Amino acid sequence: MPKPVLPRKTCVLVSAHIKDQGHEAIAELAAAHGGEITLIAATSELSQQDLDSVGVAFFSRDIHTMPGRPASNEETRLFFRLLGACPHLKWLHIFSAGSDSAAYRKFQDRGVVVTTSPQASGKAVATSALAGILALNKRFAWHYANQQARAWRAMPDEICPLPLDRQTAVLIGTGHIGAVLAKCLRSLDIRTVGINRSGKAVPDFDETMPLERLDSVIGEADWLVICCPLTDETRNLIDARRLAALPRSACLVNVGRGGIVDEPALIQALREKQISGAYLDVFEREPLPPESEIWTLDNVIVTPHSAARIADFNERAFACFLGNLERWLAGRPLASIAE
C-alpha cells in the first residue's frame, strides 16, 4: 500500500467529546510533524462546506451504541450520515477491533482506508475468554448452584475436570486477541493450536495451521476458541458437523462474532450434552432475545458482548488513533488496516 500523504492542513471529523478532551494532544502531534489539524465536531449544524474539508475521521466509543440503548442510536446515525457526505474522506479510524460492519465496507468500497484499534481491547477480550475457560473447567456454575442451595457437596468424580496441563486449546484466529490468549494458556501448560488463513507461525502457539486443516485437529480440542473476524469464509464455520467432531468433554468459547457459529446447532449440542459447555459473549442476534433457549442452559456462561469492556477503553482507543495519526503525519503506512 502506498504511504499516505497528509496535506499540511487537514480537518478531522470527531465527536464533541474528542474535540474537547483530545485537541491538545492532537495539536501537539501535528505541530511536531509540521502540520496543522482542525477538529470538527460531528453535529447536525455542520455545513457542506465543513464536510468538504474533512479528510480524516475518528469514530470513537463515546458516540457508539451503549449497553441498553437502541441498536442504532441517533449519534451513530448522525456521524455516519456526515461521513457519507464527506467527498474527500481518505481515512477512517474506528474504536473497535472488529470491522465487519457493512457501514465500514461502504467506505472501503469508496477507497477510504479503515483502521481499527485491536490494542484497545485485545487483552480485555483475551482475559475474558481465559476467565470463561477457567470457570467452565473448575465447574463454577455447579459450585454456584450449591452455594445458592447452601449445600456442601463434594464434586462427583464424573464431572471432575481434567488437569489443564493435559488439555488442548484450538484457537481460530491468531491476531491480537488470539496471541494474548495463547500466551496466557501456555503459562498454564495448555497446548495451544492456532488456526489462521495461511498457517503462518505465531509466537506463543505450540503449533499453527491453515483454516483448511481445522477438521484435522478439531477432534483434539478440549477448548475451541473463536477469536477471529466474521467474513464470508468464517460465517457458520462452526456448524453441526464440526460441533459433532468435538469431544463430548470439550467446551466452546466465542469472543469473536455470533455469526461464526451455527447457533441452532450449538443450542442442540449443548442441550443434548454433545459438548460439555460454552462461554458465549457474542450471538447471531444482539441483544440476545429473552426467549432464546441459551439463557436457560445450565452449561453455558453468557455475557452481553462485553468481553472488551474495561474502565479505560476510551483512552486506549484514543491512543490507538493517536499512534496511527502520527504514522499518517510522518507519511508511514497505517497500522491495523481493516481487510
C-alpha atoms as a PDB file:
ATOM      1  CA  MET A   1       0.000   0.000   0.000  1.00  0.00           C
ATOM      2  CA  PRO A   2       1.412   3.497  -0.840  1.00  0.00           C
ATOM      3  CA  LYS A   3       2.327   5.744   2.029  1.00  0.00           C
ATOM      4  CA  PRO A   4      -0.481   8.160   2.926  1.00  0.00           C
ATOM      5  CA  VAL A   5       0.184  11.821   2.292  1.00  0.00           C
ATOM      6  CA  LEU A   6      -1.434  14.326   4.612  1.00  0.00           C
ATOM      7  CA  PRO A   7      -1.811  17.911   3.439  1.00  0.00           C
ATOM      8  CA  ARG A   8      -0.168  20.488   5.651  1.00  0.00           C
ATOM      9  CA  LYS A   9      -3.649  21.412   6.822  1.00  0.00           C
ATOM     10  CA  THR A  10      -6.412  18.886   7.283  1.00  0.00           C
ATOM     11  CA  CYS A  11      -9.729  18.563   9.055  1.00  0.00           C
ATOM     12  CA  VAL A  12     -10.656  15.590  11.217  1.00  0.00           C
ATOM     13  CA  LEU A  13     -14.259  14.706  11.997  1.00  0.00           C
ATOM     14  CA  VAL A  14     -14.588  13.611  15.644  1.00  0.00           C
ATOM     15  CA  SER A  15     -17.109  13.546  18.458  1.00  0.00           C
ATOM     16  CA  ALA A  16     -17.676  16.640  20.564  1.00  0.00           C
ATOM     17  CA  HIS A  17     -16.005  14.806  23.446  1.00  0.00           C
ATOM     18  CA  ILE A  18     -12.841  14.084  21.471  1.00  0.00           C
ATOM     19  CA  LYS A  19     -12.710  17.670  20.233  1.00  0.00           C
ATOM     20  CA  ASP A  20     -12.944  18.910  23.805  1.00  0.00           C
ATOM     21  CA  GLN A  21     -10.678  16.395  25.509  1.00  0.00           C
ATOM     22  CA  GLY A  22      -8.220  15.439  22.797  1.00  0.00           C
ATOM     23  CA  HIS A  23      -7.471  18.647  20.945  1.00  0.00           C
ATOM     24  CA  GLU A  24      -4.254  19.448  22.824  1.00  0.00           C
ATOM     25  CA  ALA A  25      -2.676  16.045  22.225  1.00  0.00           C
ATOM     26  CA  ILE A  26      -3.636  16.149  18.545  1.00  0.00           C
ATOM     27  CA  ALA A  27      -2.372  19.731  18.103  1.00  0.00           C
ATOM     28  CA  GLU A  28       0.968  18.843  19.712  1.00  0.00           C
ATOM     29  CA  LEU A  29       1.329  15.823  17.463  1.00  0.00           C
ATOM     30  CA  ALA A  30       0.557  17.869  14.351  1.00  0.00           C
ATOM     31  CA  ALA A  31       2.967  20.632  15.346  1.00  0.00           C
ATOM     32  CA  ALA A  32       5.742  18.095  15.944  1.00  0.00           C
ATOM     33  CA  HIS A  33       5.366  16.989  12.333  1.00  0.00           C
ATOM     34  CA  GLY A  34       4.988  20.461  10.843  1.00  0.00           C
ATOM     35  CA  GLY A  35       1.279  20.117  10.126  1.00  0.00           C
ATOM     36  CA  GLU A  36      -1.954  21.713  11.242  1.00  0.00           C
ATOM     37  CA  ILE A  37      -5.089  19.806  12.161  1.00  0.00           C
ATOM     38  CA  THR A  38      -8.544  21.241  12.692  1.00  0.00           C
ATOM     39  CA  LEU A  39     -11.000  19.116  14.653  1.00  0.00           C
ATOM     40  CA  ILE A  40     -14.625  19.317  13.557  1.00  0.00           C
ATOM     41  CA  ALA A  41     -17.250  18.069  15.987  1.00  0.00           C
ATOM     42  CA  ALA A  42     -19.944  15.910  14.425  1.00  0.00           C
ATOM     43  CA  THR A  43     -23.119  17.936  14.884  1.00  0.00           C
ATOM     44  CA  SER A  44     -26.235  18.478  12.819  1.00  0.00           C
ATOM     45  CA  GLU A  45     -25.208  22.133  12.318  1.00  0.00           C
ATOM     46  CA  LEU A  46     -22.292  21.305  10.034  1.00  0.00           C
ATOM     47  CA  SER A  47     -22.469  22.762   6.528  1.00  0.00           C
ATOM     48  CA  GLN A  48     -21.485  21.005   3.333  1.00  0.00           C
ATOM     49  CA  GLN A  49     -18.500  23.344   3.183  1.00  0.00           C
ATOM     50  CA  ASP A  50     -17.373  21.953   6.543  1.00  0.00           C
ATOM     51  CA  LEU A  51     -17.781  18.395   5.310  1.00  0.00           C
ATOM     52  CA  ASP A  52     -15.942  19.144   2.066  1.00  0.00           C
ATOM     53  CA  SER A  53     -12.844  19.903   4.137  1.00  0.00           C
ATOM     54  CA  VAL A  54     -12.823  16.590   6.070  1.00  0.00           C
ATOM     55  CA  GLY A  55     -10.006  14.204   5.132  1.00  0.00           C
ATOM     56  CA  VAL A  56      -9.842  12.047   8.262  1.00  0.00           C
ATOM     57  CA  ALA A  57     -12.398  10.812  10.805  1.00  0.00           C
ATOM     58  CA  PHE A  58     -12.271   9.043  14.163  1.00  0.00           C
ATOM     59  CA  PHE A  59     -15.342   7.011  15.138  1.00  0.00           C
ATOM     60  CA  SER A  60     -14.909   6.873  18.920  1.00  0.00           C
ATOM     61  CA  ARG A  61     -16.701   4.746  21.507  1.00  0.00           C
ATOM     62  CA  ASP A  62     -18.464   7.694  23.123  1.00  0.00           C
ATOM     63  CA  ILE A  63     -20.771   8.158  20.132  1.00  0.00           C
ATOM     64  CA  HIS A  64     -21.412   4.478  19.553  1.00  0.00           C
ATOM     65  CA  THR A  65     -24.232   2.314  20.874  1.00  0.00           C
ATOM     66  CA  MET A  66     -24.063   1.980  24.649  1.00  0.00           C
ATOM     67  CA  PRO A  67     -25.401  -1.021  26.611  1.00  0.00           C
ATOM     68  CA  GLY A  68     -29.157  -0.757  26.967  1.00  0.00           C
ATOM     69  CA  ARG A  69     -29.556   1.726  24.124  1.00  0.00           C
ATOM     70  CA  PRO A  70     -31.159   1.031  20.741  1.00  0.00           C
ATOM     71  CA  ALA A  71     -29.086  -0.864  18.194  1.00  0.00           C
ATOM     72  CA  SER A  72     -28.654   2.284  16.053  1.00  0.00           C
ATOM     73  CA  ASN A  73     -28.691   5.355  18.245  1.00  0.00           C
ATOM     74  CA  GLU A  74     -29.092   8.811  16.838  1.00  0.00           C
ATOM     75  CA  GLU A  75     -25.482   9.877  17.479  1.00  0.00           C
ATOM     76  CA  THR A  76     -24.141   6.976  15.465  1.00  0.00           C
ATOM     77  CA  ARG A  77     -26.608   7.532  12.635  1.00  0.00           C
ATOM     78  CA  LEU A  78     -25.710  11.226  12.508  1.00  0.00           C
ATOM     79  CA  PHE A  79     -21.982  10.504  12.456  1.00  0.00           C
ATOM     80  CA  PHE A  80     -22.284   8.100   9.538  1.00  0.00           C
ATOM     81  CA  ARG A  81     -24.630  10.425   7.652  1.00  0.00           C
ATOM     82  CA  LEU A  82     -21.996  13.120   7.958  1.00  0.00           C
ATOM     83  CA  LEU A  83     -19.226  10.740   6.916  1.00  0.00           C
ATOM     84  CA  GLY A  84     -21.216   9.796   3.836  1.00  0.00           C
ATOM     85  CA  ALA A  85     -21.330  13.466   2.859  1.00  0.00           C
ATOM     86  CA  CYS A  86     -17.531  13.927   3.122  1.00  0.00           C
ATOM     87  CA  PRO A  87     -16.361  13.632  -0.510  1.00  0.00           C
ATOM     88  CA  HIS A  88     -12.651  13.901   0.319  1.00  0.00           C
ATOM     89  CA  LEU A  89     -12.508  11.444   3.206  1.00  0.00           C
ATOM     90  CA  LYS A  90      -9.300   9.395   2.936  1.00  0.00           C
ATOM     91  CA  TRP A  91      -9.010   7.593   6.263  1.00  0.00           C
ATOM     92  CA  LEU A  92     -11.470   6.438   8.941  1.00  0.00           C
ATOM     93  CA  HIS A  93     -10.183   5.111  12.269  1.00  0.00           C
ATOM     94  CA  ILE A  94     -12.637   3.136  14.412  1.00  0.00           C
ATOM     95  CA  PHE A  95     -12.542   2.367  18.129  1.00  0.00           C
ATOM     96  CA  SER A  96     -13.219  -1.362  17.806  1.00  0.00           C
ATOM     97  CA  ALA A  97     -11.025  -4.293  16.828  1.00  0.00           C
ATOM     98  CA  GLY A  98     -13.751  -5.671  14.545  1.00  0.00           C
ATOM     99  CA  SER A  99     -14.535  -4.085  11.201  1.00  0.00           C
ATOM    100  CA  ASP A 100     -17.114  -6.459   9.702  1.00  0.00           C
ATOM    101  CA  SER A 101     -19.940  -3.900   9.693  1.00  0.00           C
ATOM    102  CA  ALA A 102     -21.471  -3.169   6.295  1.00  0.00           C
ATOM    103  CA  ALA A 103     -21.107   0.537   7.091  1.00  0.00           C
ATOM    104  CA  TYR A 104     -17.321   0.233   7.041  1.00  0.00           C
ATOM    105  CA  ARG A 105     -17.377  -1.795   3.847  1.00  0.00           C
ATOM    106  CA  LYS A 106     -19.179   1.037   2.068  1.00  0.00           C
ATOM    107  CA  PHE A 107     -16.319   3.388   2.847  1.00  0.00           C
ATOM    108  CA  GLN A 108     -13.706   0.834   1.850  1.00  0.00           C
ATOM    109  CA  ASP A 109     -15.516   0.455  -1.474  1.00  0.00           C
ATOM    110  CA  ARG A 110     -15.087   4.214  -1.896  1.00  0.00           C
ATOM    111  CA  GLY A 111     -11.345   3.853  -1.416  1.00  0.00           C
ATOM    112  CA  VAL A 112     -11.335   5.060   2.193  1.00  0.00           C
ATOM    113  CA  VAL A 113      -8.735   3.340   4.377  1.00  0.00           C
ATOM    114  CA  VAL A 114     -10.367   1.932   7.534  1.00  0.00           C
ATOM    115  CA  THR A 115      -8.164   1.190  10.533  1.00  0.00           C
ATOM    116  CA  THR A 116      -9.073  -0.479  13.820  1.00  0.00           C
ATOM    117  CA  SER A 117      -8.000  -0.427  17.478  1.00  0.00           C
ATOM    118  CA  PRO A 118      -7.111  -4.016  18.472  1.00  0.00           C
ATOM    119  CA  GLN A 119      -4.703  -2.858  21.179  1.00  0.00           C
ATOM    120  CA  ALA A 120      -7.545  -1.076  22.977  1.00  0.00           C
ATOM    121  CA  SER A 121      -9.404  -4.237  23.873  1.00  0.00           C
ATOM    122  CA  GLY A 122      -7.298  -7.225  22.866  1.00  0.00           C
ATOM    123  CA  LYS A 123      -6.073  -8.033  26.364  1.00  0.00           C
ATOM    124  CA  ALA A 124      -9.518  -7.477  27.857  1.00  0.00           C
ATOM    125  CA  VAL A 125     -11.184  -9.843  25.387  1.00  0.00           C
ATOM    126  CA  ALA A 126      -8.432 -12.433  25.791  1.00  0.00           C
ATOM    127  CA  THR A 127      -8.674 -12.395  29.578  1.00  0.00           C
ATOM    128  CA  SER A 128     -12.463 -12.638  29.377  1.00  0.00           C
ATOM    129  CA  ALA A 129     -12.017 -15.775  27.271  1.00  0.00           C
ATOM    130  CA  LEU A 130      -9.500 -17.058  29.815  1.00  0.00           C
ATOM    131  CA  ALA A 131     -11.955 -16.380  32.643  1.00  0.00           C
ATOM    132  CA  GLY A 132     -14.629 -18.341  30.784  1.00  0.00           C
ATOM    133  CA  ILE A 133     -12.252 -21.257  30.268  1.00  0.00           C
ATOM    134  CA  LEU A 134     -11.250 -21.366  33.933  1.00  0.00           C
ATOM    135  CA  ALA A 135     -14.837 -21.003  35.161  1.00  0.00           C
ATOM    136  CA  LEU A 136     -16.031 -23.846  32.942  1.00  0.00           C
ATOM    137  CA  ASN A 137     -13.069 -26.047  33.758  1.00  0.00           C
ATOM    138  CA  LYS A 138     -13.487 -25.567  37.506  1.00  0.00           C
ATOM    139  CA  ARG A 139     -17.272 -26.133  37.278  1.00  0.00           C
ATOM    140  CA  PHE A 140     -18.075 -22.798  38.901  1.00  0.00           C
ATOM    141  CA  ALA A 141     -21.709 -22.979  37.722  1.00  0.00           C
ATOM    142  CA  TRP A 142     -22.104 -26.273  39.624  1.00  0.00           C
ATOM    143  CA  HIS A 143     -20.493 -24.787  42.721  1.00  0.00           C
ATOM    144  CA  TYR A 144     -22.622 -21.636  42.494  1.00  0.00           C
ATOM    145  CA  ALA A 145     -25.824 -23.697  42.344  1.00  0.00           C
ATOM    146  CA  ASN A 146     -24.715 -25.460  45.519  1.00  0.00           C
ATOM    147  CA  GLN A 147     -23.913 -22.128  47.104  1.00  0.00           C
ATOM    148  CA  GLN A 148     -27.399 -20.847  46.338  1.00  0.00           C
ATOM    149  CA  ALA A 149     -28.823 -24.034  47.869  1.00  0.00           C
ATOM    150  CA  ARG A 150     -26.459 -23.746  50.879  1.00  0.00           C
ATOM    151  CA  ALA A 151     -25.354 -27.288  50.097  1.00  0.00           C
ATOM    152  CA  TRP A 152     -21.877 -28.560  50.996  1.00  0.00           C
ATOM    153  CA  ARG A 153     -21.306 -31.122  48.249  1.00  0.00           C
ATOM    154  CA  ALA A 154     -18.197 -32.856  47.049  1.00  0.00           C
ATOM    155  CA  MET A 155     -17.758 -32.812  43.292  1.00  0.00           C
ATOM    156  CA  PRO A 156     -18.653 -36.202  41.785  1.00  0.00           C
ATOM    157  CA  ASP A 157     -15.796 -37.996  40.081  1.00  0.00           C
ATOM    158  CA  GLU A 158     -17.600 -37.983  36.749  1.00  0.00           C
ATOM    159  CA  ILE A 159     -17.520 -34.173  36.489  1.00  0.00           C
ATOM    160  CA  CYS A 160     -14.060 -33.589  37.958  1.00  0.00           C
ATOM    161  CA  PRO A 161     -12.044 -31.585  35.417  1.00  0.00           C
ATOM    162  CA  LEU A 162      -9.038 -32.836  33.531  1.00  0.00           C
ATOM    163  CA  PRO A 163      -5.852 -31.022  34.674  1.00  0.00           C
ATOM    164  CA  LEU A 164      -5.069 -28.055  32.463  1.00  0.00           C
ATOM    165  CA  ASP A 165      -1.649 -29.417  31.563  1.00  0.00           C
ATOM    166  CA  ARG A 166      -3.358 -32.319  29.820  1.00  0.00           C
ATOM    167  CA  GLN A 167      -5.639 -30.142  27.699  1.00  0.00           C
ATOM    168  CA  THR A 168      -5.512 -28.635  24.212  1.00  0.00           C
ATOM    169  CA  ALA A 169      -6.977 -25.325  23.102  1.00  0.00           C
ATOM    170  CA  VAL A 170      -7.648 -24.743  19.400  1.00  0.00           C
ATOM    171  CA  LEU A 171      -7.857 -21.013  18.724  1.00  0.00           C
ATOM    172  CA  ILE A 172      -9.491 -19.906  15.482  1.00  0.00           C
ATOM    173  CA  GLY A 173      -7.801 -16.556  14.998  1.00  0.00           C
ATOM    174  CA  THR A 174      -4.196 -15.733  15.850  1.00  0.00           C
ATOM    175  CA  GLY A 175      -4.413 -11.940  15.787  1.00  0.00           C
ATOM    176  CA  HIS A 176      -4.007  -9.660  18.787  1.00  0.00           C
ATOM    177  CA  ILE A 177      -6.674 -11.379  20.905  1.00  0.00           C
ATOM    178  CA  GLY A 178      -5.607 -14.890  19.978  1.00  0.00           C
ATOM    179  CA  ALA A 179      -1.922 -14.141  20.592  1.00  0.00           C
ATOM    180  CA  VAL A 180      -2.580 -12.713  24.068  1.00  0.00           C
ATOM    181  CA  LEU A 181      -4.820 -15.647  24.972  1.00  0.00           C
ATOM    182  CA  ALA A 182      -2.280 -18.176  23.682  1.00  0.00           C
ATOM    183  CA  LYS A 183       0.375 -16.641  25.923  1.00  0.00           C
ATOM    184  CA  CYS A 184      -1.960 -16.927  28.932  1.00  0.00           C
ATOM    185  CA  LEU A 185      -2.860 -20.528  28.127  1.00  0.00           C
ATOM    186  CA  ARG A 186       0.733 -21.594  27.600  1.00  0.00           C
ATOM    187  CA  SER A 187       1.581 -20.210  31.039  1.00  0.00           C
ATOM    188  CA  LEU A 188      -0.924 -22.778  32.355  1.00  0.00           C
ATOM    189  CA  ASP A 189       0.745 -25.523  30.290  1.00  0.00           C
ATOM    190  CA  ILE A 190      -2.261 -25.865  27.970  1.00  0.00           C
ATOM    191  CA  ARG A 191      -1.252 -26.953  24.475  1.00  0.00           C
ATOM    192  CA  THR A 192      -2.216 -24.237  22.007  1.00  0.00           C
ATOM    193  CA  VAL A 193      -3.012 -24.740  18.325  1.00  0.00           C
ATOM    194  CA  GLY A 194      -3.652 -21.650  16.245  1.00  0.00           C
ATOM    195  CA  ILE A 195      -5.791 -21.568  13.117  1.00  0.00           C
ATOM    196  CA  ASN A 196      -5.293 -18.752  10.620  1.00  0.00           C
ATOM    197  CA  ARG A 197      -5.620 -18.268   6.881  1.00  0.00           C
ATOM    198  CA  SER A 198      -2.086 -19.193   5.915  1.00  0.00           C
ATOM    199  CA  GLY A 199      -0.893 -21.382   8.761  1.00  0.00           C
ATOM    200  CA  LYS A 200       1.964 -18.957   9.449  1.00  0.00           C
ATOM    201  CA  ALA A 201       3.731 -19.425  12.775  1.00  0.00           C
ATOM    202  CA  VAL A 202       2.750 -17.038  15.578  1.00  0.00           C
ATOM    203  CA  PRO A 203       4.623 -16.630  18.886  1.00  0.00           C
ATOM    204  CA  ASP A 204       3.179 -18.449  21.927  1.00  0.00           C
ATOM    205  CA  PHE A 205       1.338 -21.055  19.860  1.00  0.00           C
ATOM    206  CA  ASP A 206       2.705 -24.577  20.056  1.00  0.00           C
ATOM    207  CA  GLU A 207       1.516 -25.106  16.510  1.00  0.00           C
ATOM    208  CA  THR A 208      -0.326 -23.179  13.804  1.00  0.00           C
ATOM    209  CA  MET A 209      -2.126 -24.439  10.729  1.00  0.00           C
ATOM    210  CA  PRO A 210      -4.263 -23.013   7.916  1.00  0.00           C
ATOM    211  CA  LEU A 211      -8.033 -22.868   8.172  1.00  0.00           C
ATOM    212  CA  GLU A 212      -8.484 -25.739   5.743  1.00  0.00           C
ATOM    213  CA  ARG A 213      -6.827 -28.041   8.281  1.00  0.00           C
ATOM    214  CA  LEU A 214      -9.283 -27.227  11.079  1.00  0.00           C
ATOM    215  CA  ASP A 215     -11.047 -30.569  10.668  1.00  0.00           C
ATOM    216  CA  SER A 216      -7.788 -32.426  11.237  1.00  0.00           C
ATOM    217  CA  VAL A 217      -7.357 -31.006  14.732  1.00  0.00           C
ATOM    218  CA  ILE A 218     -10.863 -30.221  15.981  1.00  0.00           C
ATOM    219  CA  GLY A 219     -11.225 -33.710  17.468  1.00  0.00           C
ATOM    220  CA  GLU A 220      -8.285 -32.947  19.776  1.00  0.00           C
ATOM    221  CA  ALA A 221      -9.802 -29.765  21.190  1.00  0.00           C
ATOM    222  CA  ASP A 222     -10.713 -29.549  24.841  1.00  0.00           C
ATOM    223  CA  TRP A 223     -11.368 -25.873  24.107  1.00  0.00           C
ATOM    224  CA  LEU A 224     -12.478 -24.499  20.764  1.00  0.00           C
ATOM    225  CA  VAL A 225     -11.977 -20.748  20.993  1.00  0.00           C
ATOM    226  CA  ILE A 226     -13.314 -18.366  18.351  1.00  0.00           C
ATOM    227  CA  CYS A 227     -11.493 -15.051  18.221  1.00  0.00           C
ATOM    228  CA  CYS A 228     -11.477 -14.289  14.501  1.00  0.00           C
ATOM    229  CA  PRO A 229     -13.430 -11.768  12.404  1.00  0.00           C
ATOM    230  CA  LEU A 230     -16.725 -12.570  10.708  1.00  0.00           C
ATOM    231  CA  THR A 231     -16.135 -12.902   6.971  1.00  0.00           C
ATOM    232  CA  ASP A 232     -17.707 -14.831   4.115  1.00  0.00           C
ATOM    233  CA  GLU A 233     -15.115 -17.504   4.864  1.00  0.00           C
ATOM    234  CA  THR A 234     -15.905 -17.770   8.577  1.00  0.00           C
ATOM    235  CA  ARG A 235     -19.693 -17.353   8.569  1.00  0.00           C
ATOM    236  CA  ASN A 236     -21.240 -20.518  10.082  1.00  0.00           C
ATOM    237  CA  LEU A 237     -17.745 -22.003  10.173  1.00  0.00           C
ATOM    238  CA  ILE A 238     -18.676 -23.978  13.283  1.00  0.00           C
ATOM    239  CA  ASP A 239     -21.699 -25.915  12.105  1.00  0.00           C
ATOM    240  CA  ALA A 240     -23.425 -29.095  13.295  1.00  0.00           C
ATOM    241  CA  ARG A 241     -20.803 -31.291  11.638  1.00  0.00           C
ATOM    242  CA  ARG A 242     -17.883 -29.589  13.347  1.00  0.00           C
ATOM    243  CA  LEU A 243     -19.673 -29.463  16.694  1.00  0.00           C
ATOM    244  CA  ALA A 244     -20.225 -33.216  16.400  1.00  0.00           C
ATOM    245  CA  ALA A 245     -16.499 -33.659  15.737  1.00  0.00           C
ATOM    246  CA  LEU A 246     -15.605 -32.142  19.115  1.00  0.00           C
ATOM    247  CA  PRO A 247     -15.090 -34.491  22.066  1.00  0.00           C
ATOM    248  CA  ARG A 248     -18.093 -34.656  24.388  1.00  0.00           C
ATOM    249  CA  SER A 249     -15.889 -33.197  27.125  1.00  0.00           C
ATOM    250  CA  ALA A 250     -14.993 -30.161  25.006  1.00  0.00           C
ATOM    251  CA  CYS A 251     -16.234 -26.605  25.515  1.00  0.00           C
ATOM    252  CA  LEU A 252     -16.705 -23.799  23.005  1.00  0.00           C
ATOM    253  CA  VAL A 253     -15.687 -20.198  23.697  1.00  0.00           C
ATOM    254  CA  ASN A 254     -16.854 -17.438  21.360  1.00  0.00           C
ATOM    255  CA  VAL A 255     -15.478 -13.925  21.766  1.00  0.00           C
ATOM    256  CA  GLY A 256     -15.378 -13.304  18.006  1.00  0.00           C
ATOM    257  CA  ARG A 257     -18.756 -12.899  16.312  1.00  0.00           C
ATOM    258  CA  GLY A 258     -22.008 -14.783  16.748  1.00  0.00           C
ATOM    259  CA  GLY A 259     -22.387 -15.475  13.048  1.00  0.00           C
ATOM    260  CA  ILE A 260     -19.304 -17.688  13.044  1.00  0.00           C
ATOM    261  CA  VAL A 261     -21.284 -20.386  14.874  1.00  0.00           C
ATOM    262  CA  ASP A 262     -24.484 -22.051  13.681  1.00  0.00           C
ATOM    263  CA  GLU A 263     -26.481 -21.044  16.761  1.00  0.00           C
ATOM    264  CA  PRO A 264     -29.371 -23.551  16.491  1.00  0.00           C
ATOM    265  CA  ALA A 265     -26.816 -26.351  16.066  1.00  0.00           C
ATOM    266  CA  LEU A 266     -24.876 -25.092  19.081  1.00  0.00           C
ATOM    267  CA  ILE A 267     -28.026 -24.951  21.218  1.00  0.00           C
ATOM    268  CA  GLN A 268     -28.853 -28.529  20.287  1.00  0.00           C
ATOM    269  CA  ALA A 269     -25.297 -29.699  21.045  1.00  0.00           C
ATOM    270  CA  LEU A 270     -25.388 -28.012  24.442  1.00  0.00           C
ATOM    271  CA  ARG A 271     -28.905 -29.169  25.294  1.00  0.00           C
ATOM    272  CA  GLU A 272     -28.096 -32.772  24.429  1.00  0.00           C
ATOM    273  CA  LYS A 273     -24.653 -32.565  26.110  1.00  0.00           C
ATOM    274  CA  GLN A 274     -22.903 -33.386  22.837  1.00  0.00           C
ATOM    275  CA  ILE A 275     -20.321 -30.922  24.147  1.00  0.00           C
ATOM    276  CA  SER A 276     -19.704 -30.087  27.765  1.00  0.00           C
ATOM    277  CA  GLY A 277     -20.361 -26.354  27.817  1.00  0.00           C
ATOM    278  CA  ALA A 278     -19.781 -22.915  26.352  1.00  0.00           C
ATOM    279  CA  TYR A 279     -18.807 -19.375  27.218  1.00  0.00           C
ATOM    280  CA  LEU A 280     -20.581 -17.023  24.810  1.00  0.00           C
ATOM    281  CA  ASP A 281     -20.064 -13.265  24.602  1.00  0.00           C
ATOM    282  CA  VAL A 282     -21.447 -12.823  21.077  1.00  0.00           C
ATOM    283  CA  PHE A 283     -24.600 -14.042  19.340  1.00  0.00           C
ATOM    284  CA  GLU A 284     -26.352 -14.114  15.966  1.00  0.00           C
ATOM    285  CA  ARG A 285     -28.909 -11.589  17.265  1.00  0.00           C
ATOM    286  CA  GLU A 286     -27.918  -8.930  19.753  1.00  0.00           C
ATOM    287  CA  PRO A 287     -29.238  -8.234  22.265  1.00  0.00           C
ATOM    288  CA  LEU A 288     -29.858 -11.951  22.803  1.00  0.00           C
ATOM    289  CA  PRO A 289     -33.671 -12.286  22.746  1.00  0.00           C
ATOM    290  CA  PRO A 290     -35.293 -13.124  26.101  1.00  0.00           C
ATOM    291  CA  GLU A 291     -36.936 -16.162  24.522  1.00  0.00           C
ATOM    292  CA  SER A 292     -33.613 -17.677  23.439  1.00  0.00           C
ATOM    293  CA  GLU A 293     -33.018 -21.115  24.912  1.00  0.00           C
ATOM    294  CA  ILE A 294     -29.407 -20.138  25.524  1.00  0.00           C
ATOM    295  CA  TRP A 295     -30.492 -18.268  28.661  1.00  0.00           C
ATOM    296  CA  THR A 296     -31.852 -21.479  30.179  1.00  0.00           C
ATOM    297  CA  LEU A 297     -28.958 -23.858  29.525  1.00  0.00           C
ATOM    298  CA  ASP A 298     -27.132 -24.841  32.688  1.00  0.00           C
ATOM    299  CA  ASN A 299     -23.840 -25.485  30.890  1.00  0.00           C
ATOM    300  CA  VAL A 300     -23.486 -22.011  29.346  1.00  0.00           C
ATOM    301  CA  ILE A 301     -21.984 -18.770  30.621  1.00  0.00           C
ATOM    302  CA  VAL A 302     -23.487 -15.728  28.868  1.00  0.00           C
ATOM    303  CA  THR A 303     -22.084 -12.199  28.823  1.00  0.00           C
ATOM    304  CA  PRO A 304     -23.711  -9.393  26.779  1.00  0.00           C
ATOM    305  CA  HIS A 305     -20.988  -8.691  24.177  1.00  0.00           C
ATOM    306  CA  SER A 306     -18.985  -7.138  26.973  1.00  0.00           C
ATOM    307  CA  ALA A 307     -15.681  -9.026  26.876  1.00  0.00           C
ATOM    308  CA  ALA A 308     -13.953  -5.824  25.766  1.00  0.00           C
ATOM    309  CA  ARG A 309     -15.461  -3.628  28.460  1.00  0.00           C
ATOM    310  CA  ILE A 310     -12.766  -2.045  30.623  1.00  0.00           C
ATOM    311  CA  ALA A 311     -12.739   1.232  32.534  1.00  0.00           C
ATOM    312  CA  ASP A 312     -10.111   2.937  30.354  1.00  0.00           C
ATOM    313  CA  PHE A 313     -11.234   1.616  26.976  1.00  0.00           C
ATOM    314  CA  ASN A 314     -11.922   5.071  25.503  1.00  0.00           C
ATOM    315  CA  GLU A 315      -8.449   6.277  26.469  1.00  0.00           C
ATOM    316  CA  ARG A 316      -6.857   3.188  24.922  1.00  0.00           C
ATOM    317  CA  ALA A 317      -8.820   3.594  21.680  1.00  0.00           C
ATOM    318  CA  PHE A 318      -7.810   7.263  21.514  1.00  0.00           C
ATOM    319  CA  ALA A 319      -4.176   6.210  21.993  1.00  0.00           C
ATOM    320  CA  CYS A 320      -4.566   3.838  19.016  1.00  0.00           C
ATOM    321  CA  PHE A 321      -5.887   6.714  16.928  1.00  0.00           C
ATOM    322  CA  LEU A 322      -3.038   8.981  18.016  1.00  0.00           C
ATOM    323  CA  GLY A 323      -0.488   6.330  17.136  1.00  0.00           C
ATOM    324  CA  ASN A 324      -1.929   5.980  13.660  1.00  0.00           C
ATOM    325  CA  LEU A 325      -2.264   9.736  13.288  1.00  0.00           C
ATOM    326  CA  GLU A 326       1.454  10.060  13.971  1.00  0.00           C
ATOM    327  CA  ARG A 327       2.117   7.475  11.256  1.00  0.00           C
ATOM    328  CA  TRP A 328      -0.132   9.400   8.870  1.00  0.00           C
ATOM    329  CA  LEU A 329       1.616  12.694   9.633  1.00  0.00           C
ATOM    330  CA  ALA A 330       5.017  11.077   9.159  1.00  0.00           C
ATOM    331  CA  GLY A 331       3.967   9.553   5.833  1.00  0.00           C
ATOM    332  CA  ARG A 332       4.359   5.992   7.124  1.00  0.00           C
ATOM    333  CA  PRO A 333       1.894   3.142   6.444  1.00  0.00           C
ATOM    334  CA  LEU A 334      -1.009   2.953   8.861  1.00  0.00           C
ATOM    335  CA  ALA A 335      -1.301   0.122  11.370  1.00  0.00           C
ATOM    336  CA  SER A 336      -4.250  -2.269  11.797  1.00  0.00           C
ATOM    337  CA  ILE A 337      -5.779  -1.687   8.367  1.00  0.00           C
ATOM    338  CA  ALA A 338      -9.110  -3.490   8.024  1.00  0.00           C
ATOM    339  CA  GLU A 339      -9.219  -6.040   5.220  1.00  0.00           C
END
